[in-house]
Amino acid sequence: TGAGKHWSDNEVRALINIWSDEKIQQMLEGATRNKEIFEEIARRLMKRGIDRDWKQCRTKYKNLKYEYRALQKENEHLGNPRRKMRFYDEVDCILRRQPLGPSSWGCESSSLLSGTKNFSDEIK
């Protein structure tokens, strides 16, 4: 199944793009039994040619959230961040619930879509 297979930047971008969908965010909010949600995310990834099962998607989602929150805590104490996180701006946009525009994700950072196919058309 490719368990333990490293996620490429494009795979992570696609996962974040799907995660940013308002419907997915609403489903994830407060959900404790979320297998079906991650099965939907895995299906959407498959449509983009990315073969990941729901467990891999859930693990990557949890790891991104954990790393983001750990960095937030660290920055509160230090003030000056020593560590950097890949995709920090994108995860920050989602977790702060800023409006997500198709080109800039509602943030000033458009780095998520630079050099990659724009998937925003698929999110309706």
N, C-alpha and C. Protein backbone atom coordinates (compact mmCIF):
# COMPACT_ATOMS: atom_id res chain seq x y z
N THR A 1 0.81 -1.21 0.00
CA THR A 1 0.00 0.00 0.00
C THR A 1 0.85 1.27 0.00
N GLY A 2 2.18 1.10 0.12
CA GLY A 2 3.02 2.28 0.16
C GLY A 2 3.06 2.92 1.54
N ALA A 3 2.68 2.16 2.58
CA ALA A 3 2.71 2.71 3.93
C ALA A 3 4.14 3.10 4.27
N GLY A 4 4.30 4.27 4.83
CA GLY A 4 5.62 4.76 5.16
C GLY A 4 6.32 5.44 4.00
N LYS A 5 5.69 5.46 2.84
CA LYS A 5 6.25 6.11 1.67
C LYS A 5 6.24 7.62 1.88
N HIS A 6 7.36 8.25 1.62
CA HIS A 6 7.50 9.69 1.82
C HIS A 6 6.53 10.47 0.92
N TRP A 7 5.94 11.51 1.49
CA TRP A 7 5.04 12.37 0.73
C TRP A 7 5.86 13.41 -0.03
N SER A 8 5.63 13.53 -1.32
CA SER A 8 6.30 14.57 -2.10
C SER A 8 5.62 15.91 -1.81
N ASP A 9 6.29 17.00 -2.16
CA ASP A 9 5.70 18.32 -1.97
C ASP A 9 4.37 18.45 -2.71
N ASN A 10 4.31 17.92 -3.93
CA ASN A 10 3.07 18.02 -4.70
C ASN A 10 1.93 17.24 -4.05
N GLU A 11 2.26 16.10 -3.44
CA GLU A 11 1.22 15.32 -2.73
C GLU A 11 0.72 16.09 -1.51
N VAL A 12 1.64 16.71 -0.78
CA VAL A 12 1.25 17.48 0.40
C VAL A 12 0.42 18.69 -0.02
N ARG A 13 0.84 19.36 -1.10
CA ARG A 13 0.07 20.50 -1.61
C ARG A 13 -1.36 20.08 -1.97
N ALA A 14 -1.48 18.93 -2.63
CA ALA A 14 -2.81 18.45 -3.03
C ALA A 14 -3.65 18.13 -1.78
N LEU A 15 -3.04 17.50 -0.78
CA LEU A 15 -3.75 17.20 0.47
C LEU A 15 -4.22 18.49 1.13
N ILE A 16 -3.34 19.47 1.22
CA ILE A 16 -3.70 20.75 1.85
C ILE A 16 -4.80 21.44 1.05
N ASN A 17 -4.70 21.35 -0.27
CA ASN A 17 -5.71 21.97 -1.13
C ASN A 17 -7.09 21.36 -0.86
N ILE A 18 -7.15 20.05 -0.72
CA ILE A 18 -8.42 19.37 -0.43
C ILE A 18 -8.88 19.71 0.98
N TRP A 19 -7.95 19.72 1.93
CA TRP A 19 -8.25 20.06 3.32
C TRP A 19 -8.83 21.47 3.42
N SER A 20 -8.39 22.36 2.54
CA SER A 20 -8.86 23.75 2.58
C SER A 20 -10.31 23.91 2.12
N ASP A 21 -10.85 22.87 1.47
CA ASP A 21 -12.24 22.92 1.02
C ASP A 21 -13.15 23.11 2.24
N GLU A 22 -14.02 24.09 2.15
CA GLU A 22 -14.90 24.44 3.27
C GLU A 22 -15.73 23.24 3.74
N LYS A 23 -16.20 22.42 2.80
CA LYS A 23 -17.00 21.24 3.16
C LYS A 23 -16.18 20.26 3.99
N ILE A 24 -14.94 20.03 3.57
CA ILE A 24 -14.06 19.11 4.29
C ILE A 24 -13.77 19.68 5.69
N GLN A 25 -13.50 20.98 5.77
CA GLN A 25 -13.22 21.59 7.07
C GLN A 25 -14.42 21.45 8.01
N GLN A 26 -15.61 21.66 7.49
CA GLN A 26 -16.81 21.53 8.31
C GLN A 26 -17.00 20.10 8.79
N MET A 27 -16.72 19.14 7.92
CA MET A 27 -16.85 17.74 8.32
C MET A 27 -15.83 17.37 9.39
N LEU A 28 -14.60 17.89 9.26
CA LEU A 28 -13.54 17.57 10.21
C LEU A 28 -13.76 18.22 11.57
N GLU A 29 -14.44 19.37 11.56
CA GLU A 29 -14.64 20.13 12.79
C GLU A 29 -15.47 19.31 13.79
N GLY A 30 -14.87 18.97 14.88
CA GLY A 30 -15.57 18.26 15.93
C GLY A 30 -15.84 16.79 15.65
N ALA A 31 -15.40 16.29 14.51
CA ALA A 31 -15.63 14.88 14.18
C ALA A 31 -14.63 14.01 14.92
N THR A 32 -15.12 12.98 15.60
CA THR A 32 -14.22 12.05 16.26
C THR A 32 -14.05 10.78 15.43
N ARG A 33 -15.11 10.36 14.81
CA ARG A 33 -15.02 9.21 13.90
C ARG A 33 -14.96 9.78 12.48
N ASN A 34 -13.74 9.86 11.96
CA ASN A 34 -13.56 10.59 10.71
C ASN A 34 -13.02 9.74 9.57
N LYS A 35 -13.14 8.44 9.67
CA LYS A 35 -12.64 7.56 8.61
C LYS A 35 -13.25 7.93 7.26
N GLU A 36 -14.57 8.15 7.25
CA GLU A 36 -15.25 8.46 5.98
C GLU A 36 -14.72 9.75 5.36
N ILE A 37 -14.40 10.72 6.19
CA ILE A 37 -13.87 11.99 5.69
C ILE A 37 -12.53 11.76 5.00
N PHE A 38 -11.67 10.97 5.64
CA PHE A 38 -10.36 10.72 5.05
C PHE A 38 -10.44 9.77 3.85
N GLU A 39 -11.48 8.93 3.80
CA GLU A 39 -11.70 8.13 2.59
C GLU A 39 -12.07 9.06 1.43
N GLU A 40 -12.87 10.09 1.71
CA GLU A 40 -13.23 11.08 0.68
C GLU A 40 -11.98 11.84 0.22
N ILE A 41 -11.13 12.23 1.17
CA ILE A 41 -9.89 12.94 0.82
C ILE A 41 -9.01 12.03 -0.05
N ALA A 42 -8.91 10.76 0.32
CA ALA A 42 -8.10 9.81 -0.47
C ALA A 42 -8.68 9.65 -1.88
N ARG A 43 -10.02 9.62 -1.99
CA ARG A 43 -10.66 9.53 -3.33
C ARG A 43 -10.31 10.76 -4.17
N ARG A 44 -10.36 11.93 -3.54
CA ARG A 44 -10.04 13.16 -4.28
C ARG A 44 -8.57 13.17 -4.71
N LEU A 45 -7.70 12.65 -3.85
CA LEU A 45 -6.28 12.56 -4.22
C LEU A 45 -6.11 11.60 -5.39
N MET A 46 -6.85 10.49 -5.37
CA MET A 46 -6.75 9.50 -6.44
C MET A 46 -7.15 10.12 -7.78
N LYS A 47 -8.15 11.01 -7.77
CA LYS A 47 -8.56 11.70 -9.00
C LYS A 47 -7.43 12.55 -9.55
N ARG A 48 -6.50 12.94 -8.69
CA ARG A 48 -5.34 13.74 -9.11
C ARG A 48 -4.12 12.87 -9.37
N GLY A 49 -4.31 11.55 -9.34
CA GLY A 49 -3.22 10.64 -9.62
C GLY A 49 -2.33 10.34 -8.42
N ILE A 50 -2.82 10.62 -7.22
CA ILE A 50 -2.04 10.39 -6.00
C ILE A 50 -2.67 9.23 -5.24
N ASP A 51 -1.89 8.15 -5.11
CA ASP A 51 -2.40 6.92 -4.49
C ASP A 51 -2.03 6.87 -3.01
N ARG A 52 -2.94 7.33 -2.18
CA ARG A 52 -2.78 7.29 -0.72
C ARG A 52 -4.07 6.76 -0.11
N ASP A 53 -3.95 5.91 0.92
CA ASP A 53 -5.17 5.42 1.56
C ASP A 53 -5.60 6.39 2.66
N TRP A 54 -6.76 6.13 3.23
CA TRP A 54 -7.33 7.07 4.20
C TRP A 54 -6.45 7.19 5.44
N LYS A 55 -5.79 6.11 5.84
CA LYS A 55 -4.93 6.16 7.04
C LYS A 55 -3.72 7.06 6.80
N GLN A 56 -3.15 6.96 5.61
CA GLN A 56 -2.01 7.81 5.27
C GLN A 56 -2.42 9.27 5.26
N CYS A 57 -3.60 9.55 4.71
CA CYS A 57 -4.11 10.93 4.66
C CYS A 57 -4.34 11.46 6.07
N ARG A 58 -4.96 10.64 6.91
CA ARG A 58 -5.23 11.08 8.29
C ARG A 58 -3.93 11.32 9.05
N THR A 59 -2.96 10.44 8.88
CA THR A 59 -1.68 10.59 9.56
C THR A 59 -0.97 11.86 9.12
N LYS A 60 -0.96 12.12 7.81
CA LYS A 60 -0.28 13.32 7.30
C LYS A 60 -0.99 14.58 7.80
N TYR A 61 -2.32 14.57 7.79
CA TYR A 61 -3.12 15.68 8.29
C TYR A 61 -2.79 15.95 9.77
N LYS A 62 -2.78 14.90 10.57
CA LYS A 62 -2.48 15.05 12.00
C LYS A 62 -1.06 15.56 12.21
N ASN A 63 -0.11 15.04 11.44
CA ASN A 63 1.28 15.48 11.58
C ASN A 63 1.45 16.94 11.21
N LEU A 64 0.77 17.39 10.15
CA LEU A 64 0.84 18.80 9.76
C LEU A 64 0.28 19.69 10.87
N LYS A 65 -0.87 19.29 11.42
CA LYS A 65 -1.48 20.07 12.51
C LYS A 65 -0.59 20.08 13.75
N TYR A 66 -0.02 18.92 14.09
CA TYR A 66 0.83 18.83 15.27
C TYR A 66 2.07 19.70 15.11
N GLU A 67 2.72 19.60 13.96
CA GLU A 67 3.93 20.38 13.72
C GLU A 67 3.63 21.89 13.75
N TYR A 68 2.51 22.27 13.18
CA TYR A 68 2.09 23.67 13.18
C TYR A 68 1.88 24.17 14.61
N ARG A 69 1.13 23.40 15.40
CA ARG A 69 0.84 23.82 16.79
C ARG A 69 2.09 23.83 17.64
N ALA A 70 2.99 22.87 17.45
CA ALA A 70 4.24 22.83 18.20
C ALA A 70 5.08 24.06 17.87
N LEU A 71 5.11 24.44 16.61
CA LEU A 71 5.86 25.62 16.19
C LEU A 71 5.24 26.89 16.74
N GLN A 72 3.90 26.94 16.77
CA GLN A 72 3.20 28.10 17.35
C GLN A 72 3.60 28.28 18.82
N LYS A 73 3.58 27.18 19.58
CA LYS A 73 3.95 27.23 21.00
C LYS A 73 5.38 27.67 21.18
N GLU A 74 6.27 27.10 20.39
CA GLU A 74 7.69 27.43 20.47
C GLU A 74 7.91 28.91 20.17
N ASN A 75 7.21 29.43 19.18
CA ASN A 75 7.37 30.83 18.80
C ASN A 75 6.82 31.77 19.86
N GLU A 76 5.77 31.34 20.59
CA GLU A 76 5.24 32.16 21.68
C GLU A 76 6.29 32.34 22.76
N HIS A 77 7.04 31.28 23.05
CA HIS A 77 8.04 31.34 24.11
C HIS A 77 9.31 32.04 23.65
N LEU A 78 9.75 31.79 22.44
CA LEU A 78 11.02 32.33 21.97
C LEU A 78 10.86 33.69 21.29
N GLY A 79 9.73 33.91 20.70
CA GLY A 79 9.52 35.16 19.97
C GLY A 79 10.15 35.15 18.60
N ASN A 80 11.32 34.59 18.50
CA ASN A 80 12.05 34.55 17.23
C ASN A 80 12.15 33.09 16.79
N PRO A 81 11.41 32.72 15.77
CA PRO A 81 11.38 31.29 15.39
C PRO A 81 12.75 30.79 14.92
N ARG A 82 13.16 29.68 15.49
CA ARG A 82 14.40 29.05 15.05
C ARG A 82 14.11 27.99 14.01
N ARG A 83 12.99 27.29 14.21
CA ARG A 83 12.62 26.24 13.27
C ARG A 83 11.65 26.77 12.24
N LYS A 84 11.72 26.18 11.08
CA LYS A 84 10.77 26.50 10.02
C LYS A 84 9.96 25.25 9.73
N MET A 85 8.76 25.46 9.22
CA MET A 85 7.90 24.34 8.84
C MET A 85 7.53 24.50 7.38
N ARG A 86 7.68 23.41 6.65
CA ARG A 86 7.21 23.41 5.26
C ARG A 86 5.70 23.59 5.27
N PHE A 87 5.18 24.40 4.39
CA PHE A 87 3.74 24.61 4.23
C PHE A 87 3.11 25.32 5.43
N TYR A 88 3.93 26.03 6.22
CA TYR A 88 3.41 26.73 7.40
C TYR A 88 2.31 27.71 7.01
N ASP A 89 2.55 28.54 6.01
CA ASP A 89 1.58 29.57 5.62
C ASP A 89 0.24 28.96 5.20
N GLU A 90 0.31 27.85 4.47
CA GLU A 90 -0.90 27.22 3.98
C GLU A 90 -1.71 26.62 5.13
N VAL A 91 -1.03 25.93 6.05
CA VAL A 91 -1.71 25.34 7.20
C VAL A 91 -2.24 26.45 8.10
N ASP A 92 -1.47 27.53 8.24
CA ASP A 92 -1.89 28.68 9.03
C ASP A 92 -3.20 29.25 8.49
N CYS A 93 -3.31 29.39 7.20
CA CYS A 93 -4.53 29.90 6.58
C CYS A 93 -5.73 29.04 6.93
N ILE A 94 -5.56 27.73 6.84
CA ILE A 94 -6.66 26.82 7.10
C ILE A 94 -7.05 26.86 8.57
N LEU A 95 -6.08 26.75 9.46
CA LEU A 95 -6.39 26.66 10.88
C LEU A 95 -6.87 27.98 11.46
N ARG A 96 -6.52 29.08 10.83
CA ARG A 96 -7.04 30.38 11.28
C ARG A 96 -8.39 30.70 10.62
N ARG A 97 -8.82 29.82 9.75
CA ARG A 97 -10.11 29.94 9.04
C ARG A 97 -10.23 31.24 8.26
N GLN A 98 -9.15 31.61 7.59
CA GLN A 98 -9.21 32.78 6.72
C GLN A 98 -9.89 32.36 5.43
N PRO A 99 -10.59 33.29 4.79
CA PRO A 99 -11.23 32.92 3.51
C PRO A 99 -10.18 32.47 2.51
N LEU A 100 -10.47 31.39 1.83
CA LEU A 100 -9.49 30.81 0.92
C LEU A 100 -9.87 31.13 -0.51
N GLY A 101 -9.10 31.99 -1.12
CA GLY A 101 -9.32 32.34 -2.52
C GLY A 101 -8.67 31.33 -3.43
N PRO A 102 -9.09 31.24 -4.68
CA PRO A 102 -8.55 30.22 -5.58
C PRO A 102 -7.09 30.43 -5.92
N SER A 103 -6.62 31.68 -5.96
CA SER A 103 -5.22 31.87 -6.35
C SER A 103 -4.30 32.09 -5.17
N SER A 104 -4.78 32.72 -4.11
CA SER A 104 -3.88 33.02 -3.01
C SER A 104 -4.27 32.35 -1.71
N TRP A 105 -5.32 31.54 -1.73
CA TRP A 105 -5.77 30.86 -0.53
C TRP A 105 -6.23 31.84 0.53
N GLY A 106 -6.54 33.06 0.16
CA GLY A 106 -6.99 34.03 1.14
C GLY A 106 -5.86 34.65 1.93
N CYS A 107 -4.65 34.25 1.63
CA CYS A 107 -3.47 34.79 2.30
C CYS A 107 -2.61 35.47 1.26
N GLU A 108 -1.59 36.13 1.73
CA GLU A 108 -0.69 36.80 0.79
C GLU A 108 0.23 35.79 0.09
N SER A 109 0.28 34.58 0.63
CA SER A 109 1.18 33.58 0.07
C SER A 109 0.51 32.82 -1.06
N SER A 110 1.09 32.89 -2.23
CA SER A 110 0.58 32.06 -3.32
C SER A 110 1.58 30.97 -3.64
N SER A 111 2.55 30.77 -2.74
CA SER A 111 3.60 29.79 -2.97
C SER A 111 3.05 28.38 -3.10
N LEU A 112 1.88 28.13 -2.53
CA LEU A 112 1.31 26.80 -2.59
C LEU A 112 1.08 26.36 -4.02
N LEU A 113 0.62 27.26 -4.84
CA LEU A 113 0.25 26.89 -6.20
C LEU A 113 1.34 27.18 -7.22
N SER A 114 2.42 27.83 -6.80
CA SER A 114 3.46 28.17 -7.76
C SER A 114 4.14 26.91 -8.26
N GLY A 115 4.22 26.81 -9.53
CA GLY A 115 4.88 25.67 -10.15
C GLY A 115 4.06 24.39 -10.15
N THR A 116 2.81 24.47 -9.74
CA THR A 116 1.99 23.27 -9.75
C THR A 116 0.69 23.57 -10.48
N LYS A 117 0.03 22.53 -10.88
CA LYS A 117 -1.28 22.67 -11.52
C LYS A 117 -2.24 23.28 -10.51
N ASN A 118 -3.08 24.20 -10.96
CA ASN A 118 -4.04 24.83 -10.08
C ASN A 118 -5.24 23.89 -9.92
N PHE A 119 -5.43 23.38 -8.70
CA PHE A 119 -6.49 22.43 -8.44
C PHE A 119 -7.75 23.11 -7.93
N SER A 120 -7.74 24.41 -7.78
CA SER A 120 -8.88 25.08 -7.16
C SER A 120 -10.18 24.89 -7.96
N ASP A 121 -10.06 24.63 -9.25
CA ASP A 121 -11.26 24.42 -10.06
C ASP A 121 -12.03 23.19 -9.64
N GLU A 122 -11.31 22.19 -9.07
CA GLU A 122 -11.94 20.93 -8.69
C GLU A 122 -12.74 21.07 -7.41
N ILE A 123 -12.46 22.09 -6.62
CA ILE A 123 -13.14 22.24 -5.32
C ILE A 123 -14.38 23.07 -5.50
N LYS A 124 -15.50 22.45 -5.36
CA LYS A 124 -16.78 23.17 -5.51
C LYS A 124 -17.63 22.92 -4.30
